[in-house]
């Protein structure tokens, strides 16, 4: 079962960030104040809402090196839906925003979360310039944004679903003008882009639906790790139902879930697993996440091995290994999509079962190295404001 859900939790919490809960304060404070206490709730303009008219809240979560970090908490999400930073911009380059979204440690770590396009310029707040990258999440294929802007000599960064674009503008205004600031009447280019991103093939992606999907997706991996395969199957099926409602039954980015369900069925209902693997293969071959296919092949290899089809299991494992090796070789600084590392380790396990010890070692080595790199690249507060 995929390990990327654990990594996302680590990335969001960050090294050294305090858990919000009983210590959080509900009192509103002046957003322009420096060194706000952790847990402080930030006021935004009354009309600053996420796309879909969703009310979200901002809380100070930590920060260091003159860079404050805030969590965006929204209905339907068990963890922060997004993260925002503000602080002093670096002065080493006139084009630091462009460098930040491509070559910073933060940009590298986002590779573990999403597939991102090239940097592009956008207008925010009417006439202010920002640099952004449009991203597609590895899990579910949902639209995310990495945005960086410098407004009145302050740096602002957003990472989260595209729905949060209006909140980013509201946060900047509140930071500059105080809690009574109001959003401009005309729609910005950024918000227009975000609205376009969340409408796919006639399906409007809801922020709350995304949160529920994410929670179920992560929960299914936890049940699998606990060897509770019946619950893992049930929860994965619920996640797939939400995904199909959001993006349609034939959306390719749900294929990895079909493969996961097929793997769970393989342990309990092998005949039903065959049909799910047959359904999932054309989906993962067209998914936006290139790691979906090698992971799917690992799942199917285990299924074939359990059915005594050693030749087919070996063939699927070998294909997965070649695909994963190629993707791992393209990664920068050892950071890559965690599902690639998961597939490599899975291939190693299968080759061990097949008695191919040398082949297993060549799969384990890059997979375990990737896991090690992920565990040592988790603190966004130290990243990228070079």
Protein backbone atom coordinates (compact mmCIF):
# COMPACT_ATOMS: atom_id res chain seq x y z
CA UNK A 1 0.00 0.00 0.00
CA UNK A 2 1.29 3.48 -0.86
CA UNK A 3 3.34 5.40 1.68
CA UNK A 4 2.84 8.88 0.17
CA UNK A 5 -0.03 9.69 2.54
CA UNK A 6 2.29 9.46 5.54
CA UNK A 7 4.78 11.75 3.84
CA UNK A 8 2.12 14.37 3.19
CA UNK A 9 1.21 14.46 6.85
CA UNK A 10 4.87 15.00 7.73
CA UNK A 11 5.24 17.75 5.14
CA UNK A 12 2.23 19.64 6.41
CA UNK A 13 3.14 19.43 10.07
CA UNK A 14 6.76 20.48 9.39
CA UNK A 15 9.68 19.93 11.72
CA UNK A 16 9.10 21.80 14.95
CA UNK A 17 5.54 23.02 14.25
CA UNK A 18 3.28 22.73 17.29
CA UNK A 19 0.04 20.79 17.02
CA UNK A 20 -3.00 23.03 17.23
CA UNK A 21 -5.78 22.05 19.57
CA UNK A 22 -6.40 22.85 23.18
CA UNK A 23 -3.71 25.53 23.14
CA UNK A 24 -5.24 27.41 20.21
CA UNK A 25 -6.82 30.74 20.90
CA UNK A 26 -10.00 31.91 19.21
CA UNK A 27 -9.29 35.57 19.83
CA UNK A 28 -8.79 37.74 16.77
CA UNK A 29 -5.62 39.75 16.65
CA UNK A 30 -4.06 42.35 14.40
CA UNK A 31 -2.71 40.44 11.38
CA UNK A 32 0.09 42.94 10.80
CA UNK A 33 1.71 42.23 14.17
CA UNK A 34 5.07 40.45 14.10
CA UNK A 35 5.79 37.31 16.09
CA UNK A 36 2.18 36.30 16.60
CA UNK A 37 1.79 33.47 19.12
CA UNK A 38 1.36 29.99 17.68
CA UNK A 39 -2.34 29.17 17.47
CA UNK A 40 -3.45 32.76 16.87
CA UNK A 41 -6.48 32.98 14.57
CA UNK A 42 -6.07 35.47 11.73
CA UNK A 43 -8.92 37.71 10.58
CA UNK A 44 -9.57 38.04 6.86
CA UNK A 45 -11.98 40.35 5.04
CA UNK A 46 -15.58 39.24 5.52
CA UNK A 47 -15.96 38.39 1.83
CA UNK A 48 -12.71 36.39 1.60
CA UNK A 49 -13.95 32.85 1.01
CA UNK A 50 -12.57 29.82 -0.81
CA UNK A 51 -14.10 29.02 -4.18
CA UNK A 52 -17.46 27.40 -3.65
CA UNK A 53 -18.25 29.96 -0.93
CA UNK A 54 -16.41 27.95 1.72
CA UNK A 55 -15.42 29.68 4.96
CA UNK A 56 -11.92 28.70 6.04
CA UNK A 57 -9.78 29.89 8.94
CA UNK A 58 -6.11 30.84 9.24
CA UNK A 59 -3.98 29.96 12.26
CA UNK A 60 -0.40 30.82 13.03
CA UNK A 61 1.44 27.50 12.99
CA UNK A 62 5.07 28.46 13.46
CA UNK A 63 7.96 29.74 11.41
CA UNK A 64 11.59 30.71 11.64
CA UNK A 65 14.15 32.91 9.92
CA UNK A 66 11.74 35.86 9.54
CA UNK A 67 9.21 33.65 7.79
CA UNK A 68 5.84 33.08 9.46
CA UNK A 69 3.77 30.03 8.58
CA UNK A 70 -0.02 29.74 8.73
CA UNK A 71 -2.35 26.78 8.33
CA UNK A 72 -5.58 27.10 6.34
CA UNK A 73 -8.29 24.99 7.96
CA UNK A 74 -11.44 24.32 5.95
CA UNK A 75 -14.66 22.29 6.47
CA UNK A 76 -14.35 18.65 5.48
CA UNK A 77 -10.58 18.55 6.05
CA UNK A 78 -9.09 16.66 8.98
CA UNK A 79 -5.75 18.38 8.42
CA UNK A 80 -4.84 21.78 6.98
CA UNK A 81 -6.14 22.23 3.46
CA UNK A 82 -3.24 24.53 2.62
CA UNK A 83 -0.28 26.50 3.95
CA UNK A 84 0.67 30.16 3.66
CA UNK A 85 3.93 31.91 4.52
CA UNK A 86 4.80 35.58 4.83
CA UNK A 87 8.06 37.28 5.65
CA UNK A 88 11.07 39.12 4.35
CA UNK A 89 11.90 38.45 0.68
CA UNK A 90 15.45 37.43 -0.24
CA UNK A 91 17.60 40.03 -1.90
CA UNK A 92 20.08 37.87 -3.79
CA UNK A 93 18.21 38.02 -7.09
CA UNK A 94 15.80 40.35 -8.78
CA UNK A 95 13.90 37.28 -10.01
CA UNK A 96 13.82 35.39 -6.74
CA UNK A 97 10.15 34.40 -7.18
CA UNK A 98 10.96 32.48 -10.37
CA UNK A 99 13.85 30.72 -8.66
CA UNK A 100 11.77 29.94 -5.59
CA UNK A 101 9.04 28.03 -7.43
CA UNK A 102 11.53 25.89 -9.37
CA UNK A 103 14.83 25.52 -7.49
CA UNK A 104 14.08 25.92 -3.79
CA UNK A 105 13.90 23.06 -1.31
CA UNK A 106 10.16 23.72 -1.06
CA UNK A 107 9.78 23.21 -4.81
CA UNK A 108 11.69 19.94 -4.52
CA UNK A 109 9.50 18.71 -1.69
CA UNK A 110 6.31 19.49 -3.60
CA UNK A 111 7.44 16.84 -6.09
CA UNK A 112 6.39 14.34 -3.43
CA UNK A 113 2.88 15.80 -3.48
CA UNK A 114 2.07 16.78 -7.02
CA UNK A 115 3.13 17.04 -10.64
CA UNK A 116 3.67 20.73 -11.42
CA UNK A 117 3.87 22.67 -14.66
CA UNK A 118 6.31 25.39 -15.62
CA UNK A 119 6.32 28.77 -13.84
CA UNK A 120 4.03 31.44 -15.21
CA UNK A 121 3.16 35.00 -14.32
CA UNK A 122 -0.25 36.06 -13.08
CA UNK A 123 -1.91 39.23 -11.87
CA UNK A 124 -3.30 39.24 -8.33
CA UNK A 125 -5.21 41.94 -6.48
CA UNK A 126 -5.83 43.72 -9.75
CA UNK A 127 -2.34 44.86 -10.76
CA UNK A 128 0.17 42.99 -8.59
CA UNK A 129 2.45 40.40 -10.18
CA UNK A 130 2.88 36.87 -8.86
CA UNK A 131 4.67 33.77 -10.08
CA UNK A 132 2.83 30.47 -9.90
CA UNK A 133 2.93 26.86 -10.92
CA UNK A 134 -0.22 24.88 -11.64
CA UNK A 135 0.00 21.43 -10.09
CA UNK A 136 -1.98 18.19 -10.13
CA UNK A 137 -1.97 16.16 -6.91
CA UNK A 138 -0.57 12.66 -7.11
CA UNK A 139 -3.58 11.32 -5.23
CA UNK A 140 -6.78 11.96 -7.13
CA UNK A 141 -5.44 14.36 -9.75
CA UNK A 142 -6.80 17.50 -8.09
CA UNK A 143 -5.71 21.07 -8.99
CA UNK A 144 -3.19 22.70 -6.65
CA UNK A 145 -1.26 25.95 -6.84
CA UNK A 146 2.16 27.09 -5.68
CA UNK A 147 2.10 30.90 -5.69
CA UNK A 148 4.79 33.40 -4.72
CA UNK A 149 4.41 37.18 -4.65
CA UNK A 150 6.22 40.20 -3.28
CA UNK A 151 3.81 42.92 -2.14
CA UNK A 152 5.06 46.11 -0.49
CA UNK A 153 8.43 44.49 0.18
CA UNK A 154 6.94 41.44 1.89
CA UNK A 155 7.04 37.89 0.56
CA UNK A 156 3.87 35.78 0.42
CA UNK A 157 3.67 32.09 -0.51
CA UNK A 158 0.69 29.74 -0.90
CA UNK A 159 0.64 25.98 -1.32
CA UNK A 160 -2.76 24.30 -1.52
CA UNK A 161 -5.83 23.51 -3.63
CA UNK A 162 -6.69 26.05 -6.32
CA UNK A 163 -9.86 26.84 -4.36
CA UNK A 164 -7.74 28.82 -1.89
CA UNK A 165 -6.70 31.53 -4.37
CA UNK A 166 -9.23 34.12 -3.06
CA UNK A 167 -8.05 33.46 0.49
CA UNK A 168 -4.47 34.14 -0.55
CA UNK A 169 -5.48 37.57 -1.83
CA UNK A 170 -7.49 38.23 1.32
CA UNK A 171 -4.54 37.20 3.48
CA UNK A 172 -2.23 39.60 1.67
CA UNK A 173 -4.68 42.48 2.05
CA UNK A 174 -5.18 41.78 5.74
CA UNK A 175 -1.45 41.55 6.28
CA UNK A 176 -0.91 44.91 4.63
CA UNK A 177 -3.97 46.87 5.66
CA UNK A 178 -5.43 45.25 8.75
CA UNK A 179 -8.45 43.10 9.45
CA UNK A 180 -10.94 45.58 7.98
CA UNK A 181 -9.50 45.38 4.47
CA UNK A 182 -11.94 44.47 1.71
CA UNK A 183 -11.29 42.61 -1.49
CA UNK A 184 -11.46 44.57 -4.75
CA UNK A 185 -14.72 44.34 -6.61
CA UNK A 186 -13.28 43.07 -9.88
CA UNK A 187 -12.14 39.50 -10.22
CA UNK A 188 -8.39 39.03 -10.47
CA UNK A 189 -6.64 36.96 -13.10
CA UNK A 190 -5.55 34.54 -10.38
CA UNK A 191 -9.10 33.81 -9.24
CA UNK A 192 -10.28 33.39 -12.83
CA UNK A 193 -7.50 30.87 -13.38
CA UNK A 194 -8.43 29.03 -10.18
CA UNK A 195 -12.10 28.85 -11.18
CA UNK A 196 -11.11 27.36 -14.49
CA UNK A 197 -8.87 24.80 -12.77
CA UNK A 198 -11.56 23.40 -10.49
CA UNK A 199 -14.05 22.83 -13.33
CA UNK A 200 -13.02 19.70 -15.23
CA UNK A 201 -15.09 18.17 -18.02
CA UNK A 202 -18.26 19.64 -16.60
CA UNK A 203 -17.51 18.42 -13.08
CA UNK A 204 -17.11 21.09 -10.40
CA UNK A 205 -14.56 19.94 -7.83
CA UNK A 206 -15.72 20.80 -4.32
CA UNK A 207 -13.17 21.71 -1.67
CA UNK A 208 -15.04 19.79 1.04
CA UNK A 209 -15.27 16.75 -1.22
CA UNK A 210 -11.51 16.91 -1.73
CA UNK A 211 -10.99 16.97 2.03
CA UNK A 212 -13.22 13.95 2.58
CA UNK A 213 -11.53 12.07 -0.26
CA UNK A 214 -8.08 12.84 1.14
CA UNK A 215 -9.01 11.64 4.62
CA UNK A 216 -10.43 8.36 3.31
CA UNK A 217 -7.49 7.83 0.96
CA UNK A 218 -5.05 8.21 3.85
CA UNK A 219 -7.17 6.08 6.18
CA UNK A 220 -7.20 3.18 3.74
CA UNK A 221 -3.39 3.05 3.79
CA UNK A 222 -3.38 3.09 7.58
CA UNK A 223 -5.77 0.15 7.75
CA UNK A 224 -3.63 -1.71 5.23
CA UNK A 225 -0.51 -1.10 7.31
CA UNK A 226 -2.38 -2.43 10.34
CA UNK A 227 -3.23 -5.59 8.31
CA UNK A 228 -6.95 -4.81 8.58
CA UNK A 229 -7.56 -5.52 4.92
CA UNK A 230 -11.34 -5.62 5.10
CA UNK A 231 -11.50 -2.08 6.48
CA UNK A 232 -8.81 -0.95 4.04
CA UNK A 233 -10.98 -2.25 1.21
CA UNK A 234 -14.16 -0.62 2.49
CA UNK A 235 -12.54 2.78 3.03
CA UNK A 236 -10.80 2.71 -0.37
CA UNK A 237 -14.14 1.94 -2.00
CA UNK A 238 -15.71 4.95 -0.28
CA UNK A 239 -12.83 7.12 -1.48
CA UNK A 240 -13.33 5.90 -5.04
CA UNK A 241 -17.06 6.67 -4.84
CA UNK A 242 -16.27 10.28 -3.92
CA UNK A 243 -13.67 10.53 -6.67
CA UNK A 244 -16.14 9.25 -9.26
CA UNK A 245 -18.77 11.70 -8.06
CA UNK A 246 -16.30 14.58 -8.32
CA UNK A 247 -14.52 13.72 -11.56
CA UNK A 248 -16.55 11.00 -13.22
CA UNK A 249 -16.30 7.20 -13.30
CA UNK A 250 -13.89 7.15 -16.24
CA UNK A 251 -11.41 9.69 -14.90
CA UNK A 252 -7.93 8.22 -15.25
CA UNK A 253 -6.67 9.71 -11.99
CA UNK A 254 -8.89 7.32 -10.05
CA UNK A 255 -7.09 4.32 -11.53
CA UNK A 256 -4.57 4.01 -8.69
CA UNK A 257 -7.50 3.55 -6.29
CA UNK A 258 -9.00 0.89 -8.54
CA UNK A 259 -5.65 -0.91 -8.38
CA UNK A 260 -5.52 -0.57 -4.60
CA UNK A 261 -9.03 -2.00 -4.28
CA UNK A 262 -8.11 -4.85 -6.63
CA UNK A 263 -5.11 -5.68 -4.43
CA UNK A 264 -7.30 -5.82 -1.33
CA UNK A 265 -9.86 -7.96 -3.16
CA UNK A 266 -7.06 -10.28 -4.22
CA UNK A 267 -6.65 -11.33 -0.61
CA UNK A 268 -10.35 -12.00 -0.11
CA UNK A 269 -12.18 -12.36 -3.43
CA UNK A 270 -9.64 -13.28 -6.15
CA UNK A 271 -12.25 -13.58 -8.90
CA UNK A 272 -13.54 -10.06 -8.18
CA UNK A 273 -9.95 -8.81 -8.20
CA UNK A 274 -9.47 -9.93 -11.81
CA UNK A 275 -12.31 -7.67 -12.95
CA UNK A 276 -10.95 -4.69 -11.01
CA UNK A 277 -7.45 -5.12 -12.42
CA UNK A 278 -8.94 -5.28 -15.90
CA UNK A 279 -10.87 -2.08 -15.24
CA UNK A 280 -7.90 -0.26 -13.72
CA UNK A 281 -5.20 -0.91 -16.31
CA UNK A 282 -6.44 1.48 -19.05
CA UNK A 283 -6.98 4.14 -16.40
CA UNK A 284 -3.48 4.07 -14.90
CA UNK A 285 -1.95 4.04 -18.37
CA UNK A 286 -3.57 7.43 -18.97
CA UNK A 287 -3.22 8.96 -15.50
CA UNK A 288 -1.60 12.35 -14.96
CA UNK A 289 0.64 10.76 -12.32
CA UNK A 290 3.20 8.60 -14.19
CA UNK A 291 3.86 6.62 -10.99
CA UNK A 292 0.34 5.15 -11.04
CA UNK A 293 1.24 2.50 -13.64
CA UNK A 294 4.33 0.98 -11.95
CA UNK A 295 2.51 0.82 -8.62
CA UNK A 296 -0.49 -0.82 -10.30
CA UNK A 297 1.81 -3.40 -11.85
CA UNK A 298 3.25 -4.25 -8.43
CA UNK A 299 -0.26 -4.82 -7.08
CA UNK A 300 -1.09 -7.05 -10.03
CA UNK A 301 2.18 -8.94 -9.71
CA UNK A 302 1.28 -9.87 -6.13
CA UNK A 303 -2.12 -11.01 -7.33
CA UNK A 304 -0.64 -13.16 -10.09
CA UNK A 305 1.91 -14.62 -7.68
CA UNK A 306 -0.83 -15.59 -5.24
CA UNK A 307 -2.64 -17.34 -8.11
CA UNK A 308 0.46 -19.31 -9.01
CA UNK A 309 1.16 -17.33 -12.20
CA UNK A 310 4.87 -16.79 -11.53
CA UNK A 311 5.77 -15.91 -15.12
CA UNK A 312 3.15 -13.13 -15.31
CA UNK A 313 4.13 -11.88 -11.85
CA UNK A 314 7.77 -11.67 -12.91
CA UNK A 315 6.84 -9.84 -16.11
CA UNK A 316 4.74 -7.24 -14.25
CA UNK A 317 7.48 -6.76 -11.65
CA UNK A 318 10.13 -6.27 -14.32
CA UNK A 319 8.04 -3.71 -16.19
CA UNK A 320 7.35 -1.85 -12.96
CA UNK A 321 11.07 -1.87 -12.12
CA UNK A 322 12.07 -0.41 -15.49
CA UNK A 323 9.45 2.35 -15.31
CA UNK A 324 10.31 3.22 -11.70
CA UNK A 325 14.05 3.22 -12.34
CA UNK A 326 13.61 5.64 -15.21
CA UNK A 327 11.52 8.01 -13.09
CA UNK A 328 13.91 7.78 -10.15
CA UNK A 329 16.82 8.68 -12.43
CA UNK A 330 15.06 11.87 -13.51
CA UNK A 331 14.56 13.10 -9.94
CA UNK A 332 16.52 16.05 -8.63
CA UNK A 333 18.48 15.84 -5.36
CA UNK A 334 17.07 12.41 -4.64
CA UNK A 335 13.55 13.74 -4.05
CA UNK A 336 10.84 12.06 -6.08
CA UNK A 337 7.25 10.99 -6.16
CA UNK A 338 6.97 8.67 -3.12
CA UNK A 339 4.90 6.19 -5.07
CA UNK A 340 7.98 5.47 -7.20
CA UNK A 341 9.93 4.48 -4.10
CA UNK A 342 6.99 2.41 -2.92
CA UNK A 343 6.89 0.56 -6.25
CA UNK A 344 10.62 -0.16 -6.16
CA UNK A 345 10.35 -1.67 -2.69
CA UNK A 346 7.33 -3.68 -3.81
CA UNK A 347 9.28 -5.00 -6.78
CA UNK A 348 12.09 -6.00 -4.43
CA UNK A 349 9.64 -7.92 -2.23
CA UNK A 350 8.25 -9.80 -5.22
CA UNK A 351 11.70 -10.66 -6.53
CA UNK A 352 12.63 -11.99 -3.11
CA UNK A 353 9.58 -14.25 -3.30
CA UNK A 354 10.76 -15.38 -6.74
CA UNK A 355 14.25 -16.10 -5.40
CA UNK A 356 15.87 -13.37 -7.52
CA UNK A 357 18.10 -11.90 -4.83
CA UNK A 358 20.38 -9.75 -7.02
CA UNK A 359 17.42 -8.22 -8.80
CA UNK A 360 15.72 -7.57 -5.46
CA UNK A 361 18.76 -5.69 -4.19
CA UNK A 362 18.85 -3.43 -7.24
CA UNK A 363 15.20 -2.54 -6.63
CA UNK A 364 15.49 -2.09 -2.87
CA UNK A 365 18.49 0.26 -2.98
CA UNK A 366 16.90 3.24 -4.78
CA UNK A 367 13.54 2.63 -3.07
CA UNK A 368 15.02 2.76 0.42
CA UNK A 369 17.20 5.74 -0.51
CA UNK A 370 14.08 7.61 -1.59
CA UNK A 371 12.37 6.84 1.71
CA UNK A 372 15.43 8.16 3.55
CA UNK A 373 15.47 11.36 1.50
CA UNK A 374 11.79 12.00 2.20
CA UNK A 375 12.31 11.70 5.94
CA UNK A 376 15.10 14.31 5.80
CA UNK A 377 13.37 16.91 3.63
CA UNK A 378 10.30 17.85 5.62
CA UNK A 379 10.79 21.33 7.08
CA UNK A 380 9.36 23.96 4.73
CA UNK A 381 10.33 26.72 7.19
CA UNK A 382 13.97 26.29 6.24
CA UNK A 383 13.30 26.03 2.53
CA UNK A 384 13.75 28.26 -0.38
CA UNK A 385 13.79 31.82 0.94
CA UNK A 386 17.39 31.89 -0.27
